[in-house]
Amino acid sequence: MKNNLKILRREKKLSQQELGQRLDVSRQTINAIEKGKFHPSLPLTIKIVRFFKKDLESIFLMDN
């Protein structure tokens, strides 16, 4: 699954560390999500969607 997390994070001028703190996860978790190496849990996905005030499909893109 691809995502736009890195783009959205940079638009808000946040480091991975800062975003992780706001979402109560580690910087490493944010890095892994951005690189597509880790798929967030449903609760974390909801936190991300709410934080960025975007719909799910504008952040996470399903691979075809």
Protein backbone atom coordinates (compact mmCIF):
# COMPACT_ATOMS: atom_id res chain seq x y z
CA MET A 1 0.00 0.00 0.00
CA LYS A 2 1.37 3.37 -1.00
CA ASN A 3 0.75 6.55 0.93
CA ASN A 4 1.15 10.32 0.84
CA LEU A 5 2.22 10.63 4.46
CA LYS A 6 5.63 12.12 3.69
CA ILE A 7 4.11 14.80 1.44
CA LEU A 8 1.44 15.71 3.98
CA ARG A 9 3.98 15.78 6.81
CA ARG A 10 6.27 18.10 4.86
CA GLU A 11 3.35 20.40 3.98
CA LYS A 12 2.82 20.86 7.73
CA LYS A 13 6.58 21.37 8.17
CA LEU A 14 6.86 18.52 10.66
CA SER A 15 9.78 16.18 11.17
CA GLN A 16 9.15 12.46 11.51
CA GLN A 17 9.89 12.85 15.21
CA GLU A 18 7.33 15.64 15.64
CA LEU A 19 4.62 13.74 13.77
CA GLY A 20 5.37 10.62 15.78
CA GLN A 21 4.99 12.56 19.02
CA ARG A 22 1.64 13.97 17.90
CA LEU A 23 0.40 10.50 16.97
CA ASP A 24 1.95 8.76 20.01
CA VAL A 25 4.28 6.56 17.95
CA SER A 26 8.03 6.50 17.35
CA ARG A 27 9.91 8.28 14.59
CA GLN A 28 10.85 4.83 13.31
CA THR A 29 7.16 3.96 12.89
CA ILE A 30 6.55 7.10 10.84
CA ASN A 31 9.63 6.34 8.72
CA ALA A 32 8.49 2.76 8.10
CA ILE A 33 4.98 3.87 7.10
CA GLU A 34 6.35 6.51 4.72
CA LYS A 35 8.61 3.91 3.07
CA GLY A 36 5.78 1.38 2.78
CA LYS A 37 7.56 -1.11 5.04
CA PHE A 38 4.84 -1.01 7.70
CA HIS A 39 1.08 -0.76 7.39
CA PRO A 40 -0.46 1.13 10.31
CA SER A 41 -3.09 -0.47 12.52
CA LEU A 42 -6.66 0.71 12.18
CA PRO A 43 -6.45 2.91 15.33
CA LEU A 44 -3.25 4.55 14.05
CA THR A 45 -4.77 5.00 10.59
CA ILE A 46 -7.72 6.80 12.16
CA LYS A 47 -5.34 9.06 14.13
CA ILE A 48 -3.47 9.91 10.91
CA VAL A 49 -6.66 10.66 8.98
CA ARG A 50 -7.98 12.87 11.78
CA PHE A 51 -4.66 14.65 12.27
CA PHE A 52 -4.38 15.63 8.62
CA LYS A 53 -8.15 16.20 8.22
CA LYS A 54 -8.14 14.25 4.98
CA ASP A 55 -10.16 11.31 3.77
CA LEU A 56 -8.55 7.89 3.98
CA GLU A 57 -8.07 7.47 0.24
CA SER A 58 -6.23 10.77 -0.13
CA ILE A 59 -3.58 9.49 2.30
CA PHE A 60 -3.43 5.75 1.64
CA LEU A 61 -3.49 4.33 -1.88
CA MET A 62 -4.16 0.69 -2.59
CA ASP A 63 -1.74 -1.03 -4.97
CA ASN A 64 -3.47 -2.62 -7.95
